[in-house]
Amino acid sequence: WPPEVVAETNDSGERGEYSGRYLQTQDGRPFERWLAGRLDRVVTHQ
């Protein structure tokens, strides 16, 4: 992951956690919450 993309995602992201059906975050920063959402999509679809 390019650091500048991680930083911009974190700077523009909203507060709060990702709470998916299969993946969740704990004190996750916006980029980490974005990753959790993508992984949740993989698990959900399979």
All heavy atoms as atom14 arrays in JSON, in Angstrom:
{
  "sequence": "WPPEVVAETNDSGERGEYSGRYLQTQDGRPFERWLAGRLDRVVTHQ",
  "atom14_mask": [
    [1, 1, 1, 1, 1, 1, 1, 1, 1, 1, 1, 1, 1, 1],
    [1, 1, 1, 1, 1, 1, 1, 0, 0, 0, 0, 0, 0, 0],
    [1, 1, 1, 1, 1, 1, 1, 0, 0, 0, 0, 0, 0, 0],
    [1, 1, 1, 1, 1, 1, 1, 1, 1, 0, 0, 0, 0, 0],
    [1, 1, 1, 1, 1, 1, 1, 0, 0, 0, 0, 0, 0, 0],
    [1, 1, 1, 1, 1, 1, 1, 0, 0, 0, 0, 0, 0, 0],
    [1, 1, 1, 1, 1, 0, 0, 0, 0, 0, 0, 0, 0, 0],
    [1, 1, 1, 1, 1, 1, 1, 1, 1, 0, 0, 0, 0, 0],
    [1, 1, 1, 1, 1, 1, 1, 0, 0, 0, 0, 0, 0, 0],
    [1, 1, 1, 1, 1, 1, 1, 1, 0, 0, 0, 0, 0, 0],
    [1, 1, 1, 1, 1, 1, 1, 1, 0, 0, 0, 0, 0, 0],
    [1, 1, 1, 1, 1, 1, 0, 0, 0, 0, 0, 0, 0, 0],
    [1, 1, 1, 1, 0, 0, 0, 0, 0, 0, 0, 0, 0, 0],
    [1, 1, 1, 1, 1, 1, 1, 1, 1, 0, 0, 0, 0, 0],
    [1, 1, 1, 1, 1, 1, 1, 1, 1, 1, 1, 0, 0, 0],
    [1, 1, 1, 1, 0, 0, 0, 0, 0, 0, 0, 0, 0, 0],
    [1, 1, 1, 1, 1, 1, 1, 1, 1, 0, 0, 0, 0, 0],
    [1, 1, 1, 1, 1, 1, 1, 1, 1, 1, 1, 1, 0, 0],
    [1, 1, 1, 1, 1, 1, 0, 0, 0, 0, 0, 0, 0, 0],
    [1, 1, 1, 1, 0, 0, 0, 0, 0, 0, 0, 0, 0, 0],
    [1, 1, 1, 1, 1, 1, 1, 1, 1, 1, 1, 0, 0, 0],
    [1, 1, 1, 1, 1, 1, 1, 1, 1, 1, 1, 1, 0, 0],
    [1, 1, 1, 1, 1, 1, 1, 1, 0, 0, 0, 0, 0, 0],
    [1, 1, 1, 1, 1, 1, 1, 1, 1, 0, 0, 0, 0, 0],
    [1, 1, 1, 1, 1, 1, 1, 0, 0, 0, 0, 0, 0, 0],
    [1, 1, 1, 1, 1, 1, 1, 1, 1, 0, 0, 0, 0, 0],
    [1, 1, 1, 1, 1, 1, 1, 1, 0, 0, 0, 0, 0, 0],
    [1, 1, 1, 1, 0, 0, 0, 0, 0, 0, 0, 0, 0, 0],
    [1, 1, 1, 1, 1, 1, 1, 1, 1, 1, 1, 0, 0, 0],
    [1, 1, 1, 1, 1, 1, 1, 0, 0, 0, 0, 0, 0, 0],
    [1, 1, 1, 1, 1, 1, 1, 1, 1, 1, 1, 0, 0, 0],
    [1, 1, 1, 1, 1, 1, 1, 1, 1, 0, 0, 0, 0, 0],
    [1, 1, 1, 1, 1, 1, 1, 1, 1, 1, 1, 0, 0, 0],
    [1, 1, 1, 1, 1, 1, 1, 1, 1, 1, 1, 1, 1, 1],
    [1, 1, 1, 1, 1, 1, 1, 1, 0, 0, 0, 0, 0, 0],
    [1, 1, 1, 1, 1, 0, 0, 0, 0, 0, 0, 0, 0, 0],
    [1, 1, 1, 1, 0, 0, 0, 0, 0, 0, 0, 0, 0, 0],
    [1, 1, 1, 1, 1, 1, 1, 1, 1, 1, 1, 0, 0, 0],
    [1, 1, 1, 1, 1, 1, 1, 1, 0, 0, 0, 0, 0, 0],
    [1, 1, 1, 1, 1, 1, 1, 1, 0, 0, 0, 0, 0, 0],
    [1, 1, 1, 1, 1, 1, 1, 1, 1, 1, 1, 0, 0, 0],
    [1, 1, 1, 1, 1, 1, 1, 0, 0, 0, 0, 0, 0, 0],
    [1, 1, 1, 1, 1, 1, 1, 0, 0, 0, 0, 0, 0, 0],
    [1, 1, 1, 1, 1, 1, 1, 0, 0, 0, 0, 0, 0, 0],
    [1, 1, 1, 1, 1, 1, 1, 1, 1, 1, 0, 0, 0, 0],
    [1, 1, 1, 1, 1, 1, 1, 1, 1, 0, 0, 0, 0, 0]
  ],
  "atom14_positions": [
    [[0.82, -1.21, 0.0], [0.0, 0.0, 0.0], [0.86, 1.27, 0.0], [1.73, 1.44, 0.87], [-0.92, 0.01, 1.22], [-1.75, -1.23, 1.33], [-1.63, -2.21, 2.26], [-2.81, -1.63, 0.46], [-2.55, -3.21, 2.03], [-3.29, -2.88, 0.93], [-3.41, -1.06, -0.67], [-4.33, -3.57, 0.31], [-4.45, -1.75, -1.29], [-4.9, -2.98, -0.79]],
    [[0.64, 2.18, -0.95], [1.39, 3.44, -0.97], [1.08, 4.25, 0.28], [-0.1, 4.47, 0.61], [0.85, 4.14, -2.23], [0.27, 3.05, -3.08], [-0.26, 2.04, -2.12], [0.0, 0.0, 0.0], [0.0, 0.0, 0.0], [0.0, 0.0, 0.0], [0.0, 0.0, 0.0], [0.0, 0.0, 0.0], [0.0, 0.0, 0.0], [0.0, 0.0, 0.0]],
    [[2.09, 4.71, 1.01], [1.84, 5.45, 2.25], [0.95, 6.67, 2.07], [0.14, 6.99, 2.95], [3.24, 5.84, 2.72], [4.16, 4.88, 2.05], [3.52, 4.52, 0.75], [0.0, 0.0, 0.0], [0.0, 0.0, 0.0], [0.0, 0.0, 0.0], [0.0, 0.0, 0.0], [0.0, 0.0, 0.0], [0.0, 0.0, 0.0], [0.0, 0.0, 0.0]],
    [[1.1, 7.35, 0.93], [0.3, 8.55, 0.72], [-1.18, 8.23, 0.6], [-2.04, 9.02, 1.01], [0.79, 9.33, -0.5], [0.8, 8.55, -1.82], [2.11, 7.87, -2.11], [2.68, 7.24, -1.18], [2.58, 7.96, -3.27], [0.0, 0.0, 0.0], [0.0, 0.0, 0.0], [0.0, 0.0, 0.0], [0.0, 0.0, 0.0], [0.0, 0.0, 0.0]],
    [[-1.5, 7.04, 0.06], [-2.91, 6.64, -0.04], [-3.46, 6.29, 1.34], [-4.58, 6.66, 1.69], [-3.06, 5.45, -1.01], [-4.48, 4.9, -0.98], [-2.68, 5.87, -2.43], [0.0, 0.0, 0.0], [0.0, 0.0, 0.0], [0.0, 0.0, 0.0], [0.0, 0.0, 0.0], [0.0, 0.0, 0.0], [0.0, 0.0, 0.0], [0.0, 0.0, 0.0]],
    [[-2.67, 5.57, 2.12], [-3.1, 5.24, 3.49], [-3.34, 6.52, 4.28], [-4.37, 6.67, 4.96], [-2.04, 4.37, 4.19], [-2.46, 4.09, 5.64], [-1.83, 3.07, 3.44], [0.0, 0.0, 0.0], [0.0, 0.0, 0.0], [0.0, 0.0, 0.0], [0.0, 0.0, 0.0], [0.0, 0.0, 0.0], [0.0, 0.0, 0.0], [0.0, 0.0, 0.0]],
    [[-2.43, 7.48, 4.18], [-2.55, 8.73, 4.93], [-3.78, 9.53, 4.5], [-4.53, 10.04, 5.34], [-1.28, 9.56, 4.76], [0.0, 0.0, 0.0], [0.0, 0.0, 0.0], [0.0, 0.0, 0.0], [0.0, 0.0, 0.0], [0.0, 0.0, 0.0], [0.0, 0.0, 0.0], [0.0, 0.0, 0.0], [0.0, 0.0, 0.0], [0.0, 0.0, 0.0]],
    [[-4.01, 9.64, 3.18], [-5.16, 10.42, 2.71], [-6.47, 9.74, 3.09], [-7.44, 10.42, 3.46], [-5.08, 10.6, 1.2], [-6.19, 11.49, 0.65], [-6.0, 11.89, -0.8], [-4.87, 11.8, -1.3], [-7.01, 12.29, -1.43], [0.0, 0.0, 0.0], [0.0, 0.0, 0.0], [0.0, 0.0, 0.0], [0.0, 0.0, 0.0], [0.0, 0.0, 0.0]],
    [[-6.51, 8.42, 3.04], [-7.72, 7.71, 3.46], [-7.99, 7.94, 4.94], [-9.14, 8.19, 5.34], [-7.57, 6.2, 3.19], [-7.24, 6.0, 1.82], [-8.87, 5.46, 3.51], [0.0, 0.0, 0.0], [0.0, 0.0, 0.0], [0.0, 0.0, 0.0], [0.0, 0.0, 0.0], [0.0, 0.0, 0.0], [0.0, 0.0, 0.0], [0.0, 0.0, 0.0]],
    [[-6.94, 7.87, 5.75], [-7.11, 8.11, 7.18], [-7.56, 9.54, 7.46], [-8.42, 9.78, 8.33], [-5.8, 7.83, 7.93], [-5.5, 6.35, 8.03], [-6.38, 5.51, 7.87], [-4.25, 6.03, 8.31], [0.0, 0.0, 0.0], [0.0, 0.0, 0.0], [0.0, 0.0, 0.0], [0.0, 0.0, 0.0], [0.0, 0.0, 0.0], [0.0, 0.0, 0.0]],
    [[-7.0, 10.51, 6.72], [-7.34, 11.91, 6.95], [-8.77, 12.24, 6.54], [-9.4, 13.13, 7.13], [-6.37, 12.81, 6.18], [-4.96, 12.78, 6.75], [-4.81, 12.34, 7.91], [-4.01, 13.16, 6.04], [0.0, 0.0, 0.0], [0.0, 0.0, 0.0], [0.0, 0.0, 0.0], [0.0, 0.0, 0.0], [0.0, 0.0, 0.0], [0.0, 0.0, 0.0]],
    [[-9.27, 11.54, 5.53], [-10.61, 11.87, 5.02], [-11.69, 10.95, 5.57], [-12.87, 11.15, 5.29], [-10.61, 11.79, 3.49], [-10.26, 10.49, 3.06], [0.0, 0.0, 0.0], [0.0, 0.0, 0.0], [0.0, 0.0, 0.0], [0.0, 0.0, 0.0], [0.0, 0.0, 0.0], [0.0, 0.0, 0.0], [0.0, 0.0, 0.0], [0.0, 0.0, 0.0]],
    [[-11.3, 9.95, 6.35], [-12.27, 8.97, 6.83], [-13.07, 9.46, 8.03], [-12.67, 10.38, 8.74], [0.0, 0.0, 0.0], [0.0, 0.0, 0.0], [0.0, 0.0, 0.0], [0.0, 0.0, 0.0], [0.0, 0.0, 0.0], [0.0, 0.0, 0.0], [0.0, 0.0, 0.0], [0.0, 0.0, 0.0], [0.0, 0.0, 0.0], [0.0, 0.0, 0.0]],
    [[-14.18, 8.82, 8.22], [-15.05, 9.16, 9.34], [-14.68, 8.34, 10.57], [-14.07, 7.29, 10.49], [-16.51, 8.89, 8.97], [-16.99, 9.71, 7.78], [-18.43, 9.37, 7.42], [-19.0, 8.47, 8.08], [-18.96, 10.0, 6.5], [0.0, 0.0, 0.0], [0.0, 0.0, 0.0], [0.0, 0.0, 0.0], [0.0, 0.0, 0.0], [0.0, 0.0, 0.0]],
    [[-15.09, 8.84, 11.74], [-14.87, 8.1, 12.97], [-15.81, 6.9, 13.03], [-16.83, 6.87, 12.36], [-15.11, 8.99, 14.19], [-14.08, 10.1, 14.34], [-14.37, 10.93, 15.58], [-13.35, 11.95, 15.78], [-12.21, 11.75, 16.43], [-11.95, 10.56, 16.94], [-11.34, 12.73, 16.57], [0.0, 0.0, 0.0], [0.0, 0.0, 0.0], [0.0, 0.0, 0.0]],
    [[-15.46, 5.93, 13.87], [-16.33, 4.78, 14.04], [-15.65, 3.49, 13.63], [-14.6, 3.51, 12.99], [0.0, 0.0, 0.0], [0.0, 0.0, 0.0], [0.0, 0.0, 0.0], [0.0, 0.0, 0.0], [0.0, 0.0, 0.0], [0.0, 0.0, 0.0], [0.0, 0.0, 0.0], [0.0, 0.0, 0.0], [0.0, 0.0, 0.0], [0.0, 0.0, 0.0]],
    [[-16.23, 2.38, 14.0], [-15.66, 1.07, 13.72], [-16.4, 0.4, 12.55], [-17.54, 0.77, 12.23], [-15.75, 0.17, 14.95], [-15.01, 0.7, 16.17], [-13.52, 0.77, 15.96], [-13.0, 0.14, 15.02], [-12.84, 1.48, 16.74], [0.0, 0.0, 0.0], [0.0, 0.0, 0.0], [0.0, 0.0, 0.0], [0.0, 0.0, 0.0], [0.0, 0.0, 0.0]],
    [[-15.74, -0.56, 11.95], [-16.4, -1.4, 10.95], [-16.95, -2.62, 11.67], [-16.2, -3.35, 12.33], [-15.44, -1.83, 9.85], [-16.13, -2.72, 8.83], [-16.88, -2.17, 7.8], [-16.05, -4.1, 8.94], [-17.53, -2.98, 6.89], [-16.7, -4.91, 8.02], [-17.45, -4.35, 7.0], [-18.1, -5.16, 6.11], [0.0, 0.0, 0.0], [0.0, 0.0, 0.0]],
    [[-18.24, -2.86, 11.53], [-18.88, -4.01, 12.16], [-19.61, -4.8, 11.09], [-20.79, -4.56, 10.81], [-19.85, -3.56, 13.26], [-19.17, -2.88, 14.29], [0.0, 0.0, 0.0], [0.0, 0.0, 0.0], [0.0, 0.0, 0.0], [0.0, 0.0, 0.0], [0.0, 0.0, 0.0], [0.0, 0.0, 0.0], [0.0, 0.0, 0.0], [0.0, 0.0, 0.0]],
    [[-18.89, -5.71, 10.46], [-19.5, -6.53, 9.44], [-20.0, -7.84, 10.01], [-19.85, -8.13, 11.2], [0.0, 0.0, 0.0], [0.0, 0.0, 0.0], [0.0, 0.0, 0.0], [0.0, 0.0, 0.0], [0.0, 0.0, 0.0], [0.0, 0.0, 0.0], [0.0, 0.0, 0.0], [0.0, 0.0, 0.0], [0.0, 0.0, 0.0], [0.0, 0.0, 0.0]],
    [[-20.56, -8.66, 9.15], [-21.07, -9.94, 9.61], [-19.93, -10.9, 9.98], [-20.05, -11.69, 10.9], [-21.94, -10.56, 8.52], [-22.6, -11.87, 8.94], [-23.57, -12.36, 7.9], [-24.18, -13.62, 8.3], [-25.03, -14.32, 7.54], [-25.37, -13.84, 6.34], [-25.52, -15.46, 7.97], [0.0, 0.0, 0.0], [0.0, 0.0, 0.0], [0.0, 0.0, 0.0]],
    [[-18.82, -10.79, 9.24], [-17.73, -11.74, 9.45], [-16.42, -11.08, 9.89], [-15.58, -11.73, 10.5], [-17.48, -12.54, 8.17], [-18.71, -13.28, 7.73], [-19.45, -12.84, 6.63], [-19.15, -14.4, 8.42], [-20.59, -13.52, 6.23], [-20.29, -15.08, 8.03], [-21.02, -14.64, 6.94], [-22.16, -15.3, 6.55], [0.0, 0.0, 0.0], [0.0, 0.0, 0.0]],
    [[-16.22, -9.8, 9.55], [-15.03, -9.06, 9.95], [-15.43, -7.8, 10.69], [-16.47, -7.2, 10.4], [-14.18, -8.68, 8.73], [-13.17, -9.68, 8.17], [-12.1, -10.02, 9.21], [-13.82, -10.93, 7.65], [0.0, 0.0, 0.0], [0.0, 0.0, 0.0], [0.0, 0.0, 0.0], [0.0, 0.0, 0.0], [0.0, 0.0, 0.0], [0.0, 0.0, 0.0]],
    [[-14.58, -7.4, 11.62], [-14.83, -6.19, 12.39], [-13.49, -5.54, 12.74], [-12.45, -6.18, 12.65], [-15.59, -6.53, 13.67], [-14.85, -7.5, 14.58], [-15.68, -8.02, 15.72], [-16.81, -7.57, 15.93], [-15.16, -8.97, 16.48], [0.0, 0.0, 0.0], [0.0, 0.0, 0.0], [0.0, 0.0, 0.0], [0.0, 0.0, 0.0], [0.0, 0.0, 0.0]],
    [[-13.56, -4.29, 13.15], [-12.34, -3.61, 13.59], [-12.46, -3.25, 15.06], [-13.56, -3.12, 15.61], [-12.07, -2.33, 12.78], [-13.17, -1.43, 12.94], [-11.86, -2.64, 11.31], [0.0, 0.0, 0.0], [0.0, 0.0, 0.0], [0.0, 0.0, 0.0], [0.0, 0.0, 0.0], [0.0, 0.0, 0.0], [0.0, 0.0, 0.0], [0.0, 0.0, 0.0]],
    [[-11.31, -3.08, 15.66], [-11.23, -2.6, 17.03], [-10.23, -1.46, 17.06], [-9.04, -1.66, 16.83], [-10.77, -3.72, 17.98], [-10.73, -3.28, 19.44], [-10.38, -4.43, 20.36], [-10.25, -5.58, 19.94], [-10.24, -4.13, 21.64], [0.0, 0.0, 0.0], [0.0, 0.0, 0.0], [0.0, 0.0, 0.0], [0.0, 0.0, 0.0], [0.0, 0.0, 0.0]],
    [[-10.75, -0.26, 17.29], [-9.93, 0.95, 17.25], [-9.27, 1.09, 15.88], [-8.12, 1.53, 15.77], [-8.87, 0.92, 18.36], [-8.24, 2.29, 18.6], [-8.91, 3.3, 18.31], [-7.08, 2.34, 19.06], [0.0, 0.0, 0.0], [0.0, 0.0, 0.0], [0.0, 0.0, 0.0], [0.0, 0.0, 0.0], [0.0, 0.0, 0.0], [0.0, 0.0, 0.0]],
    [[-9.99, 0.74, 14.86], [-9.44, 0.76, 13.51], [-9.43, 2.15, 12.9], [-10.41, 2.88, 12.99], [0.0, 0.0, 0.0], [0.0, 0.0, 0.0], [0.0, 0.0, 0.0], [0.0, 0.0, 0.0], [0.0, 0.0, 0.0], [0.0, 0.0, 0.0], [0.0, 0.0, 0.0], [0.0, 0.0, 0.0], [0.0, 0.0, 0.0], [0.0, 0.0, 0.0]],
    [[-8.34, 2.48, 12.25], [-8.26, 3.71, 11.5], [-9.0, 3.54, 10.17], [-9.27, 2.41, 9.75], [-6.79, 4.08, 11.27], [-6.08, 4.54, 12.55], [-4.58, 4.48, 12.45], [-4.06, 3.14, 12.42], [-2.96, 2.75, 13.04], [-2.28, 3.6, 13.78], [-2.53, 1.5, 12.95], [0.0, 0.0, 0.0], [0.0, 0.0, 0.0], [0.0, 0.0, 0.0]],
    [[-9.34, 4.65, 9.5], [-10.17, 4.55, 8.29], [-9.63, 3.58, 7.25], [-10.41, 2.83, 6.65], [-10.19, 5.99, 7.78], [-10.12, 6.8, 9.03], [-9.18, 6.06, 9.93], [0.0, 0.0, 0.0], [0.0, 0.0, 0.0], [0.0, 0.0, 0.0], [0.0, 0.0, 0.0], [0.0, 0.0, 0.0], [0.0, 0.0, 0.0], [0.0, 0.0, 0.0]],
    [[-8.31, 3.57, 6.99], [-7.8, 2.64, 5.98], [-7.98, 1.19, 6.44], [-8.32, 0.31, 5.63], [-6.33, 2.92, 5.68], [-5.81, 2.15, 4.48], [-6.04, 2.59, 3.19], [-5.11, 0.96, 4.66], [-5.58, 1.87, 2.1], [-4.63, 0.24, 3.57], [-4.87, 0.7, 2.29], [0.0, 0.0, 0.0], [0.0, 0.0, 0.0], [0.0, 0.0, 0.0]],
    [[-7.78, 0.94, 7.71], [-7.97, -0.42, 8.24], [-9.44, -0.82, 8.18], [-9.76, -1.98, 7.89], [-7.43, -0.48, 9.66], [-5.92, -0.34, 9.72], [-5.38, 0.16, 11.04], [-6.19, 0.6, 11.88], [-4.15, 0.15, 11.23], [0.0, 0.0, 0.0], [0.0, 0.0, 0.0], [0.0, 0.0, 0.0], [0.0, 0.0, 0.0], [0.0, 0.0, 0.0]],
    [[-10.31, 0.14, 8.42], [-11.74, -0.17, 8.29], [-12.09, -0.47, 6.83], [-12.92, -1.34, 6.55], [-12.57, 0.99, 8.83], [-12.37, 1.24, 10.32], [-13.53, 2.01, 10.92], [-13.69, 3.34, 10.35], [-13.09, 4.44, 10.82], [-12.27, 4.34, 11.86], [-13.3, 5.61, 10.27], [0.0, 0.0, 0.0], [0.0, 0.0, 0.0], [0.0, 0.0, 0.0]],
    [[-11.44, 0.25, 5.91], [-11.66, -0.02, 4.49], [-11.21, -1.43, 4.15], [-11.91, -2.17, 3.44], [-10.91, 1.01, 3.65], [-11.04, 0.8, 2.17], [-12.13, 1.1, 1.4], [-10.07, 0.22, 1.3], [-11.88, 0.75, 0.09], [-10.62, 0.21, 0.0], [-8.78, -0.28, 1.48], [-9.94, -0.29, -1.1], [-8.09, -0.78, 0.38], [-8.66, -0.79, -0.9]],
    [[-10.06, -1.84, 4.65], [-9.58, -3.19, 4.41], [-10.54, -4.22, 4.99], [-10.84, -5.24, 4.34], [-8.2, -3.37, 5.04], [-7.02, -2.66, 4.37], [-5.77, -2.78, 5.25], [-6.75, -3.22, 2.99], [0.0, 0.0, 0.0], [0.0, 0.0, 0.0], [0.0, 0.0, 0.0], [0.0, 0.0, 0.0], [0.0, 0.0, 0.0], [0.0, 0.0, 0.0]],
    [[-11.03, -3.98, 6.19], [-11.96, -4.92, 6.81], [-13.22, -5.1, 5.96], [-13.74, -6.22, 5.81], [-12.34, -4.43, 8.2], [0.0, 0.0, 0.0], [0.0, 0.0, 0.0], [0.0, 0.0, 0.0], [0.0, 0.0, 0.0], [0.0, 0.0, 0.0], [0.0, 0.0, 0.0], [0.0, 0.0, 0.0], [0.0, 0.0, 0.0], [0.0, 0.0, 0.0]],
    [[-13.69, -4.0, 5.36], [-14.86, -4.09, 4.51], [-14.62, -4.93, 3.27], [-15.49, -5.7, 2.83], [0.0, 0.0, 0.0], [0.0, 0.0, 0.0], [0.0, 0.0, 0.0], [0.0, 0.0, 0.0], [0.0, 0.0, 0.0], [0.0, 0.0, 0.0], [0.0, 0.0, 0.0], [0.0, 0.0, 0.0], [0.0, 0.0, 0.0], [0.0, 0.0, 0.0]],
    [[-13.42, -4.81, 2.71], [-13.11, -5.59, 1.52], [-12.98, -7.08, 1.86], [-13.47, -7.94, 1.13], [-11.8, -5.11, 0.89], [-11.68, -3.6, 0.7], [-12.57, -3.02, -0.39], [-13.98, -3.05, -0.15], [-14.66, -2.25, 0.71], [-14.02, -1.39, 1.47], [-15.96, -2.33, 0.83], [0.0, 0.0, 0.0], [0.0, 0.0, 0.0], [0.0, 0.0, 0.0]],
    [[-12.33, -7.39, 2.96], [-12.19, -8.8, 3.36], [-13.55, -9.38, 3.72], [-13.82, -10.56, 3.45], [-11.23, -8.91, 4.54], [-9.78, -8.47, 4.28], [-8.94, -8.63, 5.55], [-9.16, -9.25, 3.14], [0.0, 0.0, 0.0], [0.0, 0.0, 0.0], [0.0, 0.0, 0.0], [0.0, 0.0, 0.0], [0.0, 0.0, 0.0], [0.0, 0.0, 0.0]],
    [[-14.4, -8.58, 4.32], [-15.75, -9.03, 4.64], [-16.51, -9.41, 3.38], [-17.29, -10.38, 3.36], [-16.49, -7.93, 5.41], [-17.66, -8.47, 6.22], [-17.58, -9.63, 6.69], [-18.65, -7.74, 6.38], [0.0, 0.0, 0.0], [0.0, 0.0, 0.0], [0.0, 0.0, 0.0], [0.0, 0.0, 0.0], [0.0, 0.0, 0.0], [0.0, 0.0, 0.0]],
    [[-16.27, -8.66, 2.32], [-16.94, -8.96, 1.06], [-16.5, -10.33, 0.52], [-17.32, -11.1, 0.01], [-16.63, -7.87, 0.03], [-17.25, -8.1, -1.35], [-18.78, -8.18, -1.27], [-19.34, -6.92, -0.91], [-19.85, -6.03, -1.77], [-19.87, -6.31, -3.05], [-20.36, -4.9, -1.33], [0.0, 0.0, 0.0], [0.0, 0.0, 0.0], [0.0, 0.0, 0.0]],
    [[-15.21, -10.65, 0.64], [-14.7, -11.95, 0.2], [-15.39, -13.07, 0.96], [-15.9, -14.04, 0.36], [-13.17, -12.03, 0.4], [-12.68, -13.45, 0.08], [-12.46, -11.02, -0.46], [0.0, 0.0, 0.0], [0.0, 0.0, 0.0], [0.0, 0.0, 0.0], [0.0, 0.0, 0.0], [0.0, 0.0, 0.0], [0.0, 0.0, 0.0], [0.0, 0.0, 0.0]],
    [[-15.4, -12.96, 2.28], [-15.97, -14.02, 3.11], [-17.47, -14.16, 2.86], [-17.99, -15.28, 2.72], [-15.7, -13.73, 4.6], [-16.34, -14.8, 5.48], [-14.2, -13.66, 4.87], [0.0, 0.0, 0.0], [0.0, 0.0, 0.0], [0.0, 0.0, 0.0], [0.0, 0.0, 0.0], [0.0, 0.0, 0.0], [0.0, 0.0, 0.0], [0.0, 0.0, 0.0]],
    [[-18.14, -13.03, 2.77], [-19.59, -13.06, 2.55], [-19.93, -13.74, 1.23], [-20.82, -14.61, 1.17], [-20.15, -11.62, 2.55], [-19.91, -11.03, 3.83], [-21.65, -11.62, 2.26], [0.0, 0.0, 0.0], [0.0, 0.0, 0.0], [0.0, 0.0, 0.0], [0.0, 0.0, 0.0], [0.0, 0.0, 0.0], [0.0, 0.0, 0.0], [0.0, 0.0, 0.0]],
    [[-19.22, -13.37, 0.17], [-19.54, -13.93, -1.14], [-19.25, -15.43, -1.17], [-20.06, -16.21, -1.72], [-18.72, -13.22, -2.21], [-19.11, -13.59, -3.61], [-20.34, -13.29, -4.15], [-18.44, -14.28, -4.58], [-20.4, -13.74, -5.39], [-19.27, -14.36, -5.68], [0.0, 0.0, 0.0], [0.0, 0.0, 0.0], [0.0, 0.0, 0.0], [0.0, 0.0, 0.0]],
    [[-18.15, -15.86, -0.59], [-17.85, -17.29, -0.62], [-18.85, -18.09, 0.21], [-19.27, -19.18, -0.2], [-16.42, -17.55, -0.13], [-16.01, -19.01, -0.36], [-14.56, -19.28, -0.07], [-14.05, -18.84, 0.94], [-13.9, -20.02, -0.95], [0.0, 0.0, 0.0], [0.0, 0.0, 0.0], [0.0, 0.0, 0.0], [0.0, 0.0, 0.0], [0.0, 0.0, 0.0]]
  ]
}
